Amino acid sequence: MLMGACGSDDGSSPGVGQPEEANHSAAAQSEDIGFGEALAQIRGHHRVALELYEGGDKKGASVHAGHPIAEILDSVQSELQGSSAQLATDLEDVLHEGAQAIADDAKPEELAGIFERTADLTSQAQTGVIGDEGTSSAFTGSVIAALLSTSAHEYEEAVGGKGIRLLAEYQDGYAFVREARAMYDTIAGEVEQAAAEEAEEIEEAFGVLEAALPSAQPPKKLAEVSDVEVAAKLIGHELEETVGAQVATESTPEDIVAEIERLLDEIVETYEAGDADAAAELSAEAYLENYELIEAQVIEQAPEINEELEPLLGADLRKRINEGAPLADIEVMIVRAKELLTEALAVIESGH
């Protein structure tokens, strides 16, 4: 995902974590923020899974405990392996332990303990991979902005003309707002000290998001998608102004599809070269960081295309890669994904 530049244009010293001080390229910073957001999404999924489990919704809890395993783990494993193979193993194990605890009807407090250990491991992972930069307010603000942008996309996917059409996506949006709020609380004092007016605007925007997504169950009166999007963007903008956060730039559907196709080609090359782990990570990137940006539009305008394309990009391709499928099978899936992407883009661009 392309990130906007951060920092001051008035010649003042750059904020903590900005490119000059961190000695990172913009691309490297973007990758770090994507890694941090993935870890934050794991925590968010666990927040809502525990809430659902405590409320007696074992099925819903299982869905959200399974998302980090099915959708996120592959996207962070290579960075974790490079930092600490043991940490990579520990995180994978505890994710599976949480899902199994739900299947085994564990006590809520036992599940909460497992999720707390997971959160601790994500913190260790962030420090291990990113270093001290991962504790800066600029980095935290950047992850919050990315997480809220994803939340807004999830809400857009969830809401249809007749109400909630995808409950799990609504719950994803809710979970990510909760996690973003928890993260913001760790830097709220610094933001307020830097600019009281901007801090107040952030609080108001969080109020809008929390009213739109008040709990794991949707409210009777749904907020407008545009209101959620505006609130999410406002928080990102104010964090950019106050702590030097980076925020993602908008990409057109054509650009997003082109990037997915580039990643799909790279998957084939990487898999053919024998690096299945890297190929699986690229597959996760194609889905999580790209297709999800246009998924709501595809659902709205071409649901029959999304019905095949979403599972293909979301899980099926990675599953076959991880199973060690023949290269020819992977190539067939890539060809089909490209065909569906072309069809989806044509529908989006035609407006109907």
Protein backbone atom coordinates (compact mmCIF):
# COMPACT_ATOMS: atom_id res chain seq x y z
CA MET A 1 0.00 0.00 0.00
CA LEU A 2 1.44 3.40 -0.93
CA MET A 3 1.93 5.72 2.01
CA GLY A 4 1.78 9.50 2.06
CA ALA A 5 4.77 11.49 3.18
CA CYS A 6 4.85 12.69 6.76
CA GLY A 7 6.63 15.46 8.56
CA SER A 8 6.91 19.17 8.74
CA ASP A 9 7.32 21.46 5.77
CA ASP A 10 8.39 24.45 7.82
CA GLY A 11 11.97 23.39 8.37
CA SER A 12 11.44 22.23 11.94
CA SER A 13 12.94 19.02 13.20
CA PRO A 14 11.20 15.87 11.99
CA GLY A 15 8.96 14.07 14.44
CA VAL A 16 9.93 10.81 16.04
CA GLY A 17 9.90 7.99 13.52
CA GLN A 18 9.96 10.13 10.39
CA PRO A 19 12.13 9.04 7.46
CA GLU A 20 15.14 11.29 8.19
CA GLU A 21 15.45 10.11 11.78
CA ALA A 22 14.65 6.45 11.20
CA ASN A 23 16.92 6.19 8.15
CA HIS A 24 14.33 4.08 6.36
CA SER A 25 13.12 4.42 2.80
CA ALA A 26 9.44 5.22 2.30
CA ALA A 27 8.92 1.71 0.98
CA ALA A 28 10.54 0.14 4.03
CA GLN A 29 8.41 2.29 6.33
CA SER A 30 5.30 1.25 4.44
CA GLU A 31 6.21 -2.42 4.90
CA ASP A 32 6.80 -1.85 8.61
CA ILE A 33 3.42 -0.16 8.99
CA GLY A 34 1.75 -3.00 7.11
CA PHE A 35 3.42 -5.45 9.48
CA GLY A 36 2.28 -3.46 12.50
CA GLU A 37 -1.27 -3.28 11.18
CA ALA A 38 -1.36 -7.04 10.61
CA LEU A 39 -0.40 -7.59 14.26
CA ALA A 40 -3.03 -5.06 15.34
CA GLN A 41 -5.63 -6.90 13.27
CA ILE A 42 -4.79 -10.12 15.13
CA ARG A 43 -5.48 -8.36 18.43
CA GLY A 44 -8.68 -6.87 17.04
CA HIS A 45 -9.97 -10.23 15.87
CA HIS A 46 -9.30 -11.64 19.32
CA ARG A 47 -11.11 -8.76 21.00
CA VAL A 48 -14.30 -9.47 19.12
CA ALA A 49 -13.87 -13.25 19.36
CA LEU A 50 -13.74 -13.01 23.15
CA GLU A 51 -16.74 -10.69 23.27
CA LEU A 52 -18.77 -13.07 21.13
CA TYR A 53 -17.64 -16.10 23.13
CA GLU A 54 -18.57 -14.46 26.42
CA GLY A 55 -21.97 -13.68 24.91
CA GLY A 56 -22.57 -17.32 23.97
CA ASP A 57 -21.83 -17.02 20.24
CA LYS A 58 -19.32 -19.84 19.89
CA LYS A 59 -19.66 -19.95 16.09
CA GLY A 60 -18.94 -16.26 15.68
CA ALA A 61 -16.03 -16.46 18.10
CA SER A 62 -14.59 -19.35 16.12
CA VAL A 63 -14.82 -17.36 12.89
CA HIS A 64 -12.85 -14.44 14.30
CA ALA A 65 -10.32 -16.60 16.10
CA GLY A 66 -9.75 -18.34 12.78
CA HIS A 67 -9.21 -15.19 10.70
CA PRO A 68 -5.67 -14.50 11.99
CA ILE A 69 -4.70 -18.07 11.12
CA ALA A 70 -6.33 -18.15 7.69
CA GLU A 71 -5.77 -14.57 6.56
CA ILE A 72 -2.93 -12.92 8.48
CA LEU A 73 -0.34 -15.43 9.66
CA ASP A 74 1.19 -16.01 6.24
CA SER A 75 1.65 -12.27 5.76
CA VAL A 76 3.87 -11.90 8.84
CA GLN A 77 5.73 -15.20 9.00
CA SER A 78 8.72 -14.31 6.82
CA GLU A 79 9.48 -11.17 8.85
CA LEU A 80 9.10 -13.14 12.07
CA GLN A 81 11.33 -15.94 10.82
CA GLY A 82 13.98 -13.38 9.98
CA SER A 83 13.81 -11.95 13.49
CA SER A 84 13.18 -15.03 15.63
CA ALA A 85 12.18 -18.47 14.41
CA GLN A 86 11.07 -19.31 17.95
CA LEU A 87 8.81 -16.27 18.12
CA ALA A 88 7.28 -17.20 14.76
CA THR A 89 6.54 -20.69 16.08
CA ASP A 90 5.19 -19.38 19.38
CA LEU A 91 2.78 -16.98 17.65
CA GLU A 92 1.50 -19.66 15.29
CA ASP A 93 1.04 -22.08 18.18
CA VAL A 94 -0.88 -19.65 20.38
CA LEU A 95 -3.18 -18.67 17.51
CA HIS A 96 -4.11 -22.30 17.04
CA GLU A 97 -4.42 -22.71 20.81
CA GLY A 98 -7.03 -19.95 20.93
CA ALA A 99 -9.07 -21.46 18.12
CA GLN A 100 -8.87 -24.88 19.77
CA ALA A 101 -9.94 -23.48 23.14
CA ILE A 102 -13.16 -22.25 21.57
CA ALA A 103 -13.76 -25.62 19.92
CA ASP A 104 -13.19 -27.30 23.31
CA ASP A 105 -15.65 -25.01 25.15
CA ALA A 106 -12.95 -23.57 27.39
CA LYS A 107 -13.91 -21.15 30.14
CA PRO A 108 -14.00 -17.51 28.96
CA GLU A 109 -11.22 -16.58 31.38
CA GLU A 110 -9.02 -19.32 29.90
CA LEU A 111 -9.62 -17.97 26.40
CA ALA A 112 -8.92 -14.44 27.63
CA GLY A 113 -5.59 -15.63 29.01
CA ILE A 114 -4.63 -17.18 25.69
CA PHE A 115 -5.51 -13.98 23.86
CA GLU A 116 -3.48 -11.94 26.35
CA ARG A 117 -0.47 -14.11 25.61
CA THR A 118 -1.09 -13.59 21.91
CA ALA A 119 -1.16 -9.82 22.39
CA ASP A 120 2.13 -10.01 24.27
CA LEU A 121 3.68 -12.02 21.45
CA THR A 122 2.51 -9.47 18.87
CA SER A 123 4.24 -6.79 20.94
CA GLN A 124 7.43 -8.84 21.02
CA ALA A 125 7.11 -9.45 17.28
CA GLN A 126 6.79 -5.76 16.52
CA THR A 127 9.84 -4.90 18.61
CA GLY A 128 11.84 -7.79 17.17
CA VAL A 129 11.11 -6.94 13.55
CA ILE A 130 10.90 -3.14 13.62
CA GLY A 131 13.01 -2.24 16.64
CA ASP A 132 12.66 0.91 18.73
CA GLU A 133 10.88 2.67 15.85
CA GLY A 134 7.91 0.40 16.51
CA THR A 135 7.36 2.08 19.89
CA SER A 136 7.31 5.65 18.55
CA SER A 137 4.16 7.76 18.49
CA ALA A 138 4.63 8.32 14.76
CA PHE A 139 4.61 4.60 14.11
CA THR A 140 1.66 3.98 16.45
CA GLY A 141 -0.26 6.76 14.75
CA SER A 142 0.54 5.30 11.34
CA VAL A 143 -0.78 1.89 12.35
CA ILE A 144 -3.92 3.46 13.81
CA ALA A 145 -4.54 5.34 10.56
CA ALA A 146 -4.06 2.16 8.51
CA LEU A 147 -6.26 0.13 10.85
CA LEU A 148 -9.09 2.66 10.72
CA SER A 149 -8.88 2.81 6.94
CA THR A 150 -9.29 -0.97 6.88
CA SER A 151 -12.17 -0.69 9.33
CA ALA A 152 -13.95 1.74 7.02
CA HIS A 153 -13.49 -0.67 4.10
CA GLU A 154 -14.88 -3.52 6.20
CA TYR A 155 -17.90 -1.42 7.13
CA GLU A 156 -18.47 -0.56 3.47
CA GLU A 157 -18.41 -4.26 2.62
CA ALA A 158 -20.80 -5.08 5.43
CA VAL A 159 -23.51 -2.53 4.70
CA GLY A 160 -25.95 -3.03 1.86
CA GLY A 161 -29.07 -1.26 0.69
CA LYS A 162 -31.27 -3.27 3.04
CA GLY A 163 -29.01 -3.33 6.08
CA ILE A 164 -26.12 -5.55 7.13
CA ARG A 165 -25.33 -8.05 4.40
CA LEU A 166 -22.05 -9.40 5.82
CA LEU A 167 -22.06 -9.63 9.62
CA ALA A 168 -18.48 -10.92 9.91
CA GLU A 169 -17.19 -7.88 8.00
CA TYR A 170 -19.17 -5.53 10.25
CA GLN A 171 -17.60 -7.27 13.23
CA ASP A 172 -14.16 -6.92 11.67
CA GLY A 173 -14.74 -3.18 11.36
CA TYR A 174 -15.92 -3.01 14.96
CA ALA A 175 -12.92 -5.01 16.18
CA PHE A 176 -10.43 -2.79 14.37
CA VAL A 177 -12.02 0.39 15.74
CA ARG A 178 -11.73 -1.03 19.26
CA GLU A 179 -8.09 -1.93 18.75
CA ALA A 180 -7.33 1.45 17.17
CA ARG A 181 -8.96 3.18 20.14
CA ALA A 182 -6.87 1.15 22.59
CA MET A 183 -3.72 2.04 20.66
CA TYR A 184 -4.68 5.71 20.51
CA ASP A 185 -5.11 5.83 24.27
CA THR A 186 -1.37 5.13 24.58
CA ILE A 187 -0.47 8.32 22.68
CA ALA A 188 -3.52 10.51 23.44
CA GLY A 189 -1.63 12.52 26.03
CA GLU A 190 1.13 13.35 23.58
CA VAL A 191 -1.39 14.33 20.90
CA GLU A 192 -3.25 16.60 23.30
CA GLN A 193 -0.03 18.20 24.45
CA ALA A 194 0.98 18.82 20.83
CA ALA A 195 -2.36 20.26 19.73
CA ALA A 196 -5.41 20.35 21.98
CA GLU A 197 -7.78 21.29 19.16
CA GLU A 198 -6.66 18.40 16.96
CA ALA A 199 -6.93 16.03 19.94
CA GLU A 200 -10.52 17.12 20.43
CA GLU A 201 -11.30 16.50 16.75
CA ILE A 202 -9.81 13.00 17.04
CA GLU A 203 -12.02 12.29 20.05
CA GLU A 204 -15.09 13.48 18.16
CA ALA A 205 -14.20 11.31 15.17
CA PHE A 206 -13.72 8.28 17.41
CA GLY A 207 -17.15 9.08 18.82
CA VAL A 208 -18.62 8.86 15.33
CA LEU A 209 -16.92 5.50 14.70
CA GLU A 210 -17.93 4.09 18.08
CA ALA A 211 -21.55 5.16 17.49
CA ALA A 212 -21.52 3.52 14.06
CA LEU A 213 -19.91 0.33 15.40
CA PRO A 214 -20.97 0.23 19.07
CA SER A 215 -20.72 -3.50 19.69
CA ALA A 216 -20.27 -6.83 17.96
CA GLN A 217 -23.95 -6.67 17.01
CA PRO A 218 -24.96 -3.89 14.59
CA PRO A 219 -27.22 -1.07 15.82
CA LYS A 220 -30.77 -0.86 14.50
CA LYS A 221 -30.01 2.38 12.70
CA LEU A 222 -26.91 2.08 10.57
CA ALA A 223 -24.57 4.98 9.99
CA GLU A 224 -23.82 6.13 6.49
CA VAL A 225 -20.72 4.56 4.97
CA SER A 226 -19.46 8.02 4.06
CA ASP A 227 -19.66 9.15 7.72
CA VAL A 228 -17.47 6.21 8.77
CA GLU A 229 -14.98 6.88 5.98
CA VAL A 230 -14.74 10.60 6.79
CA ALA A 231 -14.19 9.94 10.50
CA ALA A 232 -11.48 7.36 9.79
CA LYS A 233 -9.68 9.70 7.39
CA LEU A 234 -9.94 12.64 9.77
CA ILE A 235 -8.20 10.71 12.54
CA GLY A 236 -5.43 9.69 10.17
CA HIS A 237 -4.99 13.28 8.99
CA GLU A 238 -4.84 14.66 12.52
CA LEU A 239 -2.32 12.01 13.56
CA GLU A 240 -0.24 12.97 10.55
CA GLU A 241 -0.33 16.59 11.71
CA THR A 242 0.36 15.94 15.40
CA VAL A 243 2.74 12.96 15.63
CA GLY A 244 4.06 12.62 12.08
CA ALA A 245 2.03 9.54 11.17
CA GLN A 246 2.05 8.28 7.62
CA VAL A 247 -1.32 7.80 5.96
CA ALA A 248 -2.14 5.76 2.88
CA THR A 249 -2.79 7.54 -0.38
CA GLU A 250 -5.90 6.71 -2.39
CA SER A 251 -5.47 4.35 -5.33
CA THR A 252 -7.82 3.87 -8.26
CA PRO A 253 -9.45 0.47 -8.88
CA GLU A 254 -7.34 0.21 -12.03
CA ASP A 255 -4.14 0.75 -10.02
CA ILE A 256 -5.22 -1.77 -7.40
CA VAL A 257 -6.04 -4.45 -9.97
CA ALA A 258 -2.72 -3.82 -11.71
CA GLU A 259 -0.90 -4.29 -8.40
CA ILE A 260 -2.76 -7.52 -7.67
CA GLU A 261 -1.88 -8.85 -11.11
CA ARG A 262 1.77 -7.93 -10.54
CA LEU A 263 1.73 -9.81 -7.26
CA LEU A 264 0.07 -12.81 -8.90
CA ASP A 265 2.85 -12.95 -11.49
CA GLU A 266 5.42 -12.71 -8.70
CA ILE A 267 3.68 -15.57 -6.87
CA VAL A 268 4.21 -17.86 -9.86
CA GLU A 269 7.87 -16.87 -10.19
CA THR A 270 8.53 -17.26 -6.47
CA TYR A 271 6.71 -20.57 -6.19
CA GLU A 272 8.50 -21.92 -9.25
CA ALA A 273 11.80 -20.94 -7.61
CA GLY A 274 10.89 -23.14 -4.65
CA ASP A 275 10.03 -20.50 -2.02
CA ALA A 276 6.50 -21.48 -1.03
CA ASP A 277 6.56 -19.37 2.15
CA ALA A 278 7.31 -16.19 0.22
CA ALA A 279 4.67 -17.09 -2.38
CA ALA A 280 2.08 -17.52 0.38
CA GLU A 281 3.04 -14.15 1.83
CA LEU A 282 2.61 -12.50 -1.57
CA SER A 283 -0.81 -14.13 -1.85
CA ALA A 284 -1.79 -12.67 1.51
CA GLU A 285 -0.58 -9.24 0.37
CA ALA A 286 -2.62 -9.45 -2.83
CA TYR A 287 -5.76 -10.07 -0.82
CA LEU A 288 -5.35 -8.17 2.45
CA GLU A 289 -3.56 -5.07 1.20
CA ASN A 290 -5.13 -4.80 -2.23
CA TYR A 291 -8.29 -6.72 -3.08
CA GLU A 292 -9.96 -5.69 0.17
CA LEU A 293 -9.70 -2.07 -1.01
CA ILE A 294 -12.12 -2.75 -3.86
CA GLU A 295 -14.02 -5.72 -2.48
CA ALA A 296 -16.98 -3.62 -1.33
CA GLN A 297 -17.41 -2.24 -4.86
CA VAL A 298 -17.25 -5.73 -6.34
CA ILE A 299 -19.78 -7.03 -3.82
CA GLU A 300 -22.10 -4.13 -4.62
CA GLN A 301 -21.82 -4.22 -8.41
CA ALA A 302 -20.81 -7.79 -9.23
CA PRO A 303 -21.59 -10.11 -6.30
CA GLU A 304 -21.38 -13.20 -8.49
CA ILE A 305 -17.77 -12.33 -9.38
CA ASN A 306 -16.85 -11.72 -5.75
CA GLU A 307 -18.44 -15.01 -4.76
CA GLU A 308 -15.68 -16.80 -6.67
CA LEU A 309 -12.88 -14.24 -6.51
CA GLU A 310 -12.88 -13.52 -2.77
CA PRO A 311 -12.27 -17.10 -1.60
CA LEU A 312 -9.81 -17.66 -4.45
CA LEU A 313 -7.63 -14.72 -3.39
CA GLY A 314 -8.55 -14.82 0.28
CA ALA A 315 -7.70 -18.39 1.20
CA ASP A 316 -7.79 -20.98 -1.57
CA LEU A 317 -4.64 -19.85 -3.38
CA ARG A 318 -2.59 -19.71 -0.18
CA LYS A 319 -3.95 -23.07 0.92
CA ARG A 320 -2.81 -24.75 -2.28
CA ILE A 321 0.59 -23.03 -2.05
CA ASN A 322 1.04 -24.23 1.52
CA GLU A 323 -0.01 -27.74 0.49
CA GLY A 324 2.76 -27.83 -2.09
CA ALA A 325 0.42 -28.12 -5.07
CA PRO A 326 1.92 -28.66 -8.54
CA LEU A 327 3.01 -25.44 -10.24
CA ALA A 328 0.49 -26.06 -13.03
CA ASP A 329 -2.35 -25.98 -10.50
CA ILE A 330 -1.16 -22.68 -9.08
CA GLU A 331 -0.89 -21.24 -12.58
CA VAL A 332 -4.47 -22.27 -13.36
CA MET A 333 -5.68 -20.47 -10.23
CA ILE A 334 -3.65 -17.37 -11.12
CA VAL A 335 -5.11 -17.29 -14.64
CA ARG A 336 -8.63 -17.58 -13.26
CA ALA A 337 -8.00 -14.86 -10.67
CA LYS A 338 -6.81 -12.52 -13.42
CA GLU A 339 -9.88 -13.26 -15.53
CA LEU A 340 -12.16 -12.46 -12.61
CA LEU A 341 -10.23 -9.30 -11.80
CA THR A 342 -10.60 -8.11 -15.38
CA GLU A 343 -14.34 -8.75 -15.24
CA ALA A 344 -14.64 -7.03 -11.87
CA LEU A 345 -12.74 -3.95 -13.04
CA ALA A 346 -14.91 -3.66 -16.14
CA VAL A 347 -18.04 -3.69 -14.00
CA ILE A 348 -16.64 -1.14 -11.55
CA GLU A 349 -15.55 1.22 -14.30
CA SER A 350 -18.88 0.92 -16.11
CA GLY A 351 -20.71 1.79 -12.91
CA HIS A 352 -23.18 -1.08 -13.20
